[in-house]
């Protein structure tokens, strides 16, 4: 008798380019944000878009599709009450309520494994609509 064990993880790989692009954001500050998507044919998480240092939070949120899931990281710069310049990296699991069930499932089952590949994330936000990842939400978490 043979049977298959159900696999809790989706088996999605992470493209080397995705890891390198994250490191460019984290260490070299080359990007303000990185948007990742799952390439179902390649079965891996790939970079869809990067935002330059001059881009703002509105540019970041505008780069996320209205009706499909994505992962993203955002490098949030701020000044503390003491006047210190700080930076915190946010991981955003974007899963709009109008996206396909299959897409939501795929992103949900792959998230933890992908996030573990990105060493240096300070905070995680799960958002199903833009208000859940408003800039104020980041500010409250970072301070």
N, C-alpha and C. Protein backbone atom coordinates (compact mmCIF):
# COMPACT_ATOMS: atom_id res chain seq x y z
N UNK A 1 0.84 -1.18 0.00
CA UNK A 1 0.00 0.00 0.00
C UNK A 1 0.89 1.24 0.00
N UNK A 2 0.64 2.14 -0.93
CA UNK A 2 1.41 3.37 -0.93
C UNK A 2 0.47 4.56 -0.81
N UNK A 3 0.96 5.58 -0.16
CA UNK A 3 0.18 6.80 -0.05
C UNK A 3 1.14 7.97 -0.02
N UNK A 4 0.65 9.13 -0.36
CA UNK A 4 1.49 10.33 -0.38
C UNK A 4 1.23 11.15 0.87
N UNK A 5 2.29 11.57 1.47
CA UNK A 5 2.14 12.46 2.62
C UNK A 5 1.78 13.83 2.06
N UNK A 6 0.86 14.51 2.71
CA UNK A 6 0.55 15.86 2.24
C UNK A 6 1.70 16.76 2.67
N UNK A 7 2.10 17.60 1.78
CA UNK A 7 3.23 18.48 2.03
C UNK A 7 2.71 19.86 2.40
N UNK A 8 3.01 20.31 3.60
CA UNK A 8 2.50 21.60 4.06
C UNK A 8 3.13 22.76 3.29
N UNK A 9 4.37 22.59 2.84
CA UNK A 9 4.97 23.67 2.07
C UNK A 9 4.72 23.43 0.60
N UNK A 10 4.71 24.49 -0.15
CA UNK A 10 4.35 24.36 -1.56
C UNK A 10 5.51 23.88 -2.41
N UNK A 11 6.71 23.82 -1.85
CA UNK A 11 7.86 23.40 -2.62
C UNK A 11 8.40 24.49 -3.53
N UNK A 12 8.00 25.74 -3.27
CA UNK A 12 8.50 26.85 -4.08
C UNK A 12 9.95 27.12 -3.73
N UNK A 13 10.75 27.29 -4.74
CA UNK A 13 12.13 27.68 -4.52
C UNK A 13 12.23 29.19 -4.50
N UNK A 14 13.41 29.67 -4.20
CA UNK A 14 13.66 31.11 -4.21
C UNK A 14 14.80 31.37 -5.18
N UNK A 15 14.54 32.17 -6.19
CA UNK A 15 15.56 32.48 -7.18
C UNK A 15 16.74 33.18 -6.51
N UNK A 16 17.95 32.83 -6.91
CA UNK A 16 19.14 33.49 -6.37
C UNK A 16 19.05 35.00 -6.54
N UNK A 17 18.50 35.42 -7.69
CA UNK A 17 18.35 36.85 -7.97
C UNK A 17 17.48 37.52 -6.90
N UNK A 18 16.46 36.81 -6.41
CA UNK A 18 15.59 37.36 -5.37
C UNK A 18 16.38 37.62 -4.09
N UNK A 19 17.20 36.66 -3.71
CA UNK A 19 18.02 36.82 -2.50
C UNK A 19 19.02 37.95 -2.67
N UNK A 20 19.66 38.00 -3.83
CA UNK A 20 20.65 39.05 -4.09
C UNK A 20 20.02 40.44 -4.08
N UNK A 21 18.83 40.55 -4.67
CA UNK A 21 18.15 41.84 -4.72
C UNK A 21 17.77 42.30 -3.31
N UNK A 22 17.34 41.35 -2.47
CA UNK A 22 17.05 41.69 -1.07
C UNK A 22 18.31 42.19 -0.37
N UNK A 23 19.44 41.52 -0.59
CA UNK A 23 20.69 41.95 0.03
C UNK A 23 21.12 43.33 -0.45
N UNK A 24 20.83 43.63 -1.72
CA UNK A 24 21.13 44.97 -2.23
C UNK A 24 20.31 46.03 -1.50
N UNK A 25 19.08 45.70 -1.16
CA UNK A 25 18.23 46.62 -0.39
C UNK A 25 18.76 46.74 1.03
N UNK A 26 19.05 45.61 1.63
CA UNK A 26 19.44 45.58 3.05
C UNK A 26 20.82 46.18 3.30
N UNK A 27 21.80 45.75 2.54
CA UNK A 27 23.18 46.14 2.82
C UNK A 27 23.63 47.39 2.07
N UNK A 28 23.25 47.47 0.81
CA UNK A 28 23.78 48.56 -0.03
C UNK A 28 22.81 49.71 -0.21
N UNK A 29 21.56 49.50 0.25
CA UNK A 29 20.53 50.54 0.13
C UNK A 29 20.32 50.97 -1.33
N UNK A 30 20.42 50.00 -2.26
CA UNK A 30 20.21 50.30 -3.67
C UNK A 30 18.74 50.45 -4.03
N UNK A 31 17.86 49.86 -3.23
CA UNK A 31 16.43 49.88 -3.53
C UNK A 31 15.66 50.37 -2.31
N UNK A 32 14.55 51.08 -2.57
CA UNK A 32 13.63 51.45 -1.49
C UNK A 32 12.71 50.27 -1.18
N UNK A 33 12.35 49.53 -2.25
CA UNK A 33 11.48 48.37 -2.07
C UNK A 33 11.72 47.35 -3.17
N UNK A 34 11.27 46.12 -2.90
CA UNK A 34 11.33 45.04 -3.89
C UNK A 34 9.99 44.32 -3.84
N UNK A 35 9.39 44.10 -5.01
CA UNK A 35 8.15 43.34 -5.11
C UNK A 35 8.51 41.99 -5.73
N UNK A 36 8.04 40.92 -5.08
CA UNK A 36 8.32 39.56 -5.54
C UNK A 36 7.02 38.89 -5.97
N UNK A 37 7.12 38.02 -6.96
CA UNK A 37 5.95 37.23 -7.34
C UNK A 37 6.36 35.78 -7.51
N UNK A 38 5.37 34.91 -7.42
CA UNK A 38 5.64 33.49 -7.62
C UNK A 38 5.49 33.18 -9.10
N UNK A 39 6.54 32.64 -9.68
CA UNK A 39 6.51 32.17 -11.06
C UNK A 39 6.10 30.71 -11.01
N UNK A 40 4.83 30.45 -11.35
CA UNK A 40 4.31 29.08 -11.20
C UNK A 40 5.00 28.09 -12.14
N UNK A 41 5.41 28.54 -13.31
CA UNK A 41 6.09 27.63 -14.25
C UNK A 41 7.45 27.20 -13.72
N UNK A 42 8.20 28.17 -13.19
CA UNK A 42 9.53 27.87 -12.66
C UNK A 42 9.47 27.33 -11.24
N UNK A 43 8.31 27.47 -10.60
CA UNK A 43 8.12 27.07 -9.21
C UNK A 43 9.13 27.77 -8.29
N UNK A 44 9.26 29.09 -8.49
CA UNK A 44 10.12 29.85 -7.60
C UNK A 44 9.65 31.29 -7.46
N UNK A 45 10.13 31.93 -6.42
CA UNK A 45 9.81 33.33 -6.15
C UNK A 45 10.84 34.19 -6.87
N UNK A 46 10.35 35.10 -7.71
CA UNK A 46 11.23 35.94 -8.53
C UNK A 46 10.94 37.42 -8.26
N UNK A 47 11.90 38.27 -8.63
CA UNK A 47 11.73 39.71 -8.49
C UNK A 47 10.83 40.21 -9.62
N UNK A 48 9.79 40.94 -9.26
CA UNK A 48 8.92 41.54 -10.26
C UNK A 48 9.30 42.99 -10.51
N UNK A 49 9.65 43.72 -9.44
CA UNK A 49 9.93 45.15 -9.58
C UNK A 49 10.78 45.62 -8.41
N UNK A 50 11.63 46.59 -8.68
CA UNK A 50 12.37 47.25 -7.60
C UNK A 50 12.09 48.74 -7.68
N UNK A 51 12.15 49.39 -6.54
CA UNK A 51 11.95 50.84 -6.49
C UNK A 51 13.23 51.50 -6.03
N UNK A 52 13.62 52.55 -6.72
CA UNK A 52 14.84 53.27 -6.38
C UNK A 52 14.73 54.03 -5.07
N UNK A 53 15.87 54.47 -4.55
CA UNK A 53 15.89 55.18 -3.27
C UNK A 53 15.04 56.45 -3.28
N UNK A 54 14.86 57.07 -4.44
CA UNK A 54 14.08 58.30 -4.52
C UNK A 54 12.57 58.07 -4.50
N UNK A 55 12.14 56.82 -4.58
CA UNK A 55 10.71 56.54 -4.61
C UNK A 55 10.12 56.58 -3.21
N UNK A 56 8.84 56.90 -3.15
CA UNK A 56 8.18 57.05 -1.84
C UNK A 56 7.24 55.87 -1.57
N UNK A 57 6.60 55.91 -0.42
CA UNK A 57 5.72 54.81 -0.02
C UNK A 57 4.54 54.67 -0.98
N UNK A 58 4.03 55.77 -1.49
CA UNK A 58 2.92 55.70 -2.46
C UNK A 58 3.34 54.97 -3.73
N UNK A 59 4.60 55.17 -4.16
CA UNK A 59 5.11 54.44 -5.33
C UNK A 59 5.12 52.94 -5.04
N UNK A 60 5.52 52.60 -3.82
CA UNK A 60 5.55 51.20 -3.41
C UNK A 60 4.16 50.58 -3.45
N UNK A 61 3.20 51.21 -2.80
CA UNK A 61 1.86 50.63 -2.75
C UNK A 61 1.23 50.58 -4.13
N UNK A 62 1.55 51.55 -4.99
CA UNK A 62 1.02 51.55 -6.36
C UNK A 62 1.60 50.42 -7.19
N UNK A 63 2.75 49.88 -6.78
CA UNK A 63 3.39 48.81 -7.56
C UNK A 63 2.78 47.43 -7.25
N UNK A 64 1.92 47.36 -6.24
CA UNK A 64 1.27 46.09 -5.90
C UNK A 64 -0.03 45.97 -6.69
N UNK A 65 -0.27 44.83 -7.33
CA UNK A 65 -1.48 44.68 -8.13
C UNK A 65 -2.74 44.72 -7.27
N UNK A 66 -3.81 45.28 -7.82
CA UNK A 66 -5.05 45.41 -7.06
C UNK A 66 -5.74 44.07 -6.83
N UNK A 67 -5.50 43.10 -7.73
CA UNK A 67 -6.28 41.87 -7.64
C UNK A 67 -5.43 40.59 -7.67
N UNK A 68 -4.15 40.70 -7.29
CA UNK A 68 -3.32 39.50 -7.23
C UNK A 68 -2.35 39.62 -6.05
N UNK A 69 -1.92 38.49 -5.54
CA UNK A 69 -1.04 38.43 -4.38
C UNK A 69 0.41 38.72 -4.76
N UNK A 70 1.16 39.21 -3.80
CA UNK A 70 2.60 39.44 -3.95
C UNK A 70 3.24 39.41 -2.58
N UNK A 71 4.56 39.23 -2.59
CA UNK A 71 5.38 39.49 -1.41
C UNK A 71 6.14 40.76 -1.73
N UNK A 72 6.49 41.49 -0.69
CA UNK A 72 7.29 42.69 -0.92
C UNK A 72 8.09 43.01 0.33
N UNK A 73 9.19 43.72 0.13
CA UNK A 73 9.94 44.26 1.26
C UNK A 73 10.08 45.76 1.03
N UNK A 74 9.98 46.50 2.12
CA UNK A 74 10.07 47.95 2.06
C UNK A 74 11.05 48.42 3.13
N UNK A 75 12.00 49.25 2.73
CA UNK A 75 13.00 49.80 3.64
C UNK A 75 12.47 51.14 4.14
N UNK A 76 12.01 51.14 5.39
CA UNK A 76 11.36 52.30 5.98
C UNK A 76 12.38 53.12 6.77
N UNK A 77 12.69 54.32 6.29
CA UNK A 77 13.60 55.22 6.98
C UNK A 77 12.78 56.18 7.84
N UNK A 78 13.29 56.46 9.02
CA UNK A 78 12.61 57.41 9.90
C UNK A 78 13.61 58.00 10.88
N UNK A 79 13.19 59.06 11.56
CA UNK A 79 14.01 59.71 12.56
C UNK A 79 13.33 59.54 13.91
N UNK A 80 14.09 59.05 14.89
CA UNK A 80 13.52 58.82 16.23
C UNK A 80 13.30 60.15 16.93
N UNK A 81 12.60 60.09 18.07
CA UNK A 81 12.36 61.29 18.87
C UNK A 81 13.67 61.92 19.33
N UNK A 82 14.70 61.09 19.43
CA UNK A 82 16.03 61.59 19.85
C UNK A 82 16.83 62.15 18.67
N UNK A 83 16.24 62.11 17.47
CA UNK A 83 16.91 62.66 16.29
C UNK A 83 17.84 61.68 15.58
N UNK A 84 17.74 60.39 15.90
CA UNK A 84 18.58 59.38 15.24
C UNK A 84 17.91 58.88 13.96
N UNK A 85 18.71 58.78 12.91
CA UNK A 85 18.22 58.21 11.64
C UNK A 85 18.20 56.70 11.77
N UNK A 86 17.04 56.08 11.54
CA UNK A 86 16.89 54.63 11.64
C UNK A 86 16.27 54.09 10.36
N UNK A 87 16.40 52.78 10.20
CA UNK A 87 15.82 52.10 9.06
C UNK A 87 15.32 50.74 9.52
N UNK A 88 14.10 50.40 9.15
CA UNK A 88 13.53 49.08 9.47
C UNK A 88 13.01 48.47 8.18
N UNK A 89 13.24 47.17 8.02
CA UNK A 89 12.78 46.49 6.81
C UNK A 89 11.49 45.74 7.12
N UNK A 90 10.46 46.07 6.35
CA UNK A 90 9.16 45.44 6.50
C UNK A 90 8.95 44.40 5.40
N UNK A 91 8.44 43.25 5.79
CA UNK A 91 8.01 42.23 4.83
C UNK A 91 6.50 42.35 4.73
N UNK A 92 6.00 42.50 3.51
CA UNK A 92 4.56 42.62 3.30
C UNK A 92 4.06 41.41 2.53
N UNK A 93 3.09 40.72 3.11
CA UNK A 93 2.40 39.63 2.41
C UNK A 93 1.09 40.24 1.91
N UNK A 94 1.06 40.58 0.64
CA UNK A 94 -0.09 41.26 0.02
C UNK A 94 -1.01 40.21 -0.57
N UNK A 95 -2.24 40.13 -0.05
CA UNK A 95 -3.20 39.14 -0.51
C UNK A 95 -4.58 39.79 -0.57
N UNK A 96 -4.83 40.58 -1.63
CA UNK A 96 -6.11 41.30 -1.70
C UNK A 96 -7.30 40.34 -1.70
N UNK A 97 -8.36 40.76 -1.04
CA UNK A 97 -9.53 39.89 -0.90
C UNK A 97 -10.13 39.49 -2.24
N UNK A 98 -9.90 40.29 -3.29
CA UNK A 98 -10.47 39.97 -4.61
C UNK A 98 -9.59 39.03 -5.44
N UNK A 99 -8.43 38.64 -4.92
CA UNK A 99 -7.56 37.76 -5.71
C UNK A 99 -8.11 36.33 -5.72
N UNK A 100 -7.63 35.54 -6.69
CA UNK A 100 -8.10 34.16 -6.84
C UNK A 100 -7.74 33.33 -5.62
N UNK A 101 -8.63 32.41 -5.27
CA UNK A 101 -8.40 31.52 -4.12
C UNK A 101 -7.09 30.76 -4.31
N UNK A 102 -6.84 30.26 -5.53
CA UNK A 102 -5.62 29.50 -5.80
C UNK A 102 -4.38 30.35 -5.52
N UNK A 103 -4.42 31.60 -5.93
CA UNK A 103 -3.29 32.50 -5.70
C UNK A 103 -3.09 32.73 -4.21
N UNK A 104 -4.16 32.97 -3.48
CA UNK A 104 -4.07 33.18 -2.03
C UNK A 104 -3.45 31.96 -1.34
N UNK A 105 -3.89 30.78 -1.75
CA UNK A 105 -3.38 29.54 -1.16
C UNK A 105 -1.88 29.37 -1.45
N UNK A 106 -1.51 29.60 -2.70
CA UNK A 106 -0.12 29.45 -3.12
C UNK A 106 0.80 30.40 -2.33
N UNK A 107 0.40 31.65 -2.22
CA UNK A 107 1.21 32.62 -1.48
C UNK A 107 1.22 32.32 0.01
N UNK A 108 0.10 31.88 0.55
CA UNK A 108 0.03 31.58 1.98
C UNK A 108 0.93 30.40 2.34
N UNK A 109 0.93 29.36 1.51
CA UNK A 109 1.73 28.16 1.83
C UNK A 109 3.22 28.36 1.56
N UNK A 110 3.58 29.32 0.76
CA UNK A 110 4.99 29.56 0.42
C UNK A 110 5.63 30.64 1.29
N UNK A 111 4.82 31.42 1.99
CA UNK A 111 5.32 32.62 2.67
C UNK A 111 6.41 32.35 3.69
N UNK A 112 6.19 31.42 4.60
CA UNK A 112 7.16 31.22 5.68
C UNK A 112 8.52 30.80 5.15
N UNK A 113 8.51 29.91 4.18
CA UNK A 113 9.79 29.45 3.62
C UNK A 113 10.51 30.62 2.93
N UNK A 114 9.77 31.41 2.17
CA UNK A 114 10.40 32.54 1.48
C UNK A 114 10.93 33.56 2.48
N UNK A 115 10.13 33.88 3.47
CA UNK A 115 10.53 34.89 4.45
C UNK A 115 11.79 34.45 5.19
N UNK A 116 11.92 33.16 5.47
CA UNK A 116 13.14 32.66 6.14
C UNK A 116 14.39 32.89 5.31
N UNK A 117 14.24 32.95 3.99
CA UNK A 117 15.39 33.18 3.11
C UNK A 117 15.89 34.63 3.19
N UNK A 118 15.04 35.52 3.68
CA UNK A 118 15.38 36.94 3.73
C UNK A 118 15.79 37.31 5.15
N UNK A 119 17.07 37.17 5.44
CA UNK A 119 17.57 37.43 6.78
C UNK A 119 17.71 38.93 7.00
N UNK A 120 17.06 39.43 8.02
CA UNK A 120 17.17 40.86 8.32
C UNK A 120 15.85 41.60 8.28
N UNK A 121 14.75 40.86 8.19
CA UNK A 121 13.42 41.48 8.22
C UNK A 121 13.11 41.87 9.67
N UNK A 122 12.64 43.08 9.89
CA UNK A 122 12.31 43.53 11.25
C UNK A 122 10.85 43.28 11.60
N UNK A 123 9.96 43.54 10.64
CA UNK A 123 8.52 43.43 10.89
C UNK A 123 7.83 42.79 9.70
N UNK A 124 6.69 42.16 9.98
CA UNK A 124 5.89 41.56 8.92
C UNK A 124 4.48 42.13 8.98
N UNK A 125 3.94 42.42 7.82
CA UNK A 125 2.56 42.91 7.72
C UNK A 125 1.83 42.01 6.74
N UNK A 126 0.65 41.55 7.14
CA UNK A 126 -0.22 40.80 6.23
C UNK A 126 -1.33 41.76 5.87
N UNK A 127 -1.54 41.99 4.59
CA UNK A 127 -2.55 42.96 4.17
C UNK A 127 -3.47 42.38 3.11
N UNK A 128 -4.77 42.61 3.30
CA UNK A 128 -5.76 42.20 2.30
C UNK A 128 -6.37 43.41 1.61
N UNK A 129 -6.12 44.59 2.17
CA UNK A 129 -6.51 45.83 1.48
C UNK A 129 -5.53 46.92 1.90
N UNK A 130 -5.43 48.01 1.11
CA UNK A 130 -4.40 49.02 1.34
C UNK A 130 -4.40 49.64 2.73
N UNK A 131 -5.55 49.72 3.39
CA UNK A 131 -5.59 50.36 4.72
C UNK A 131 -4.79 49.57 5.75
N UNK A 132 -4.64 48.26 5.54
CA UNK A 132 -3.90 47.42 6.49
C UNK A 132 -2.39 47.62 6.39
N UNK A 133 -1.95 48.32 5.36
CA UNK A 133 -0.52 48.60 5.23
C UNK A 133 -0.27 50.08 4.96
N UNK A 134 -1.15 50.89 5.52
CA UNK A 134 -1.00 52.33 5.43
C UNK A 134 0.34 52.75 6.06
N UNK A 135 0.88 53.86 5.61
CA UNK A 135 2.17 54.34 6.13
C UNK A 135 2.13 54.50 7.65
N UNK A 136 0.98 54.89 8.19
CA UNK A 136 0.82 55.02 9.64
C UNK A 136 1.04 53.69 10.36
N UNK A 137 0.61 52.60 9.73
CA UNK A 137 0.79 51.27 10.31
C UNK A 137 2.30 50.99 10.45
N UNK A 138 3.07 51.32 9.42
CA UNK A 138 4.52 51.14 9.49
C UNK A 138 5.13 51.99 10.57
N UNK A 139 4.70 53.26 10.64
CA UNK A 139 5.24 54.17 11.65
C UNK A 139 4.99 53.62 13.06
N UNK A 140 3.75 53.16 13.30
CA UNK A 140 3.42 52.64 14.63
C UNK A 140 4.28 51.43 14.99
N UNK A 141 4.53 50.56 14.03
CA UNK A 141 5.32 49.36 14.28
C UNK A 141 6.80 49.72 14.50
N UNK A 142 7.32 50.67 13.73
CA UNK A 142 8.75 50.97 13.75
C UNK A 142 9.18 51.73 14.99
N UNK A 143 8.31 52.58 15.52
CA UNK A 143 8.73 53.43 16.65
C UNK A 143 8.71 52.70 17.96
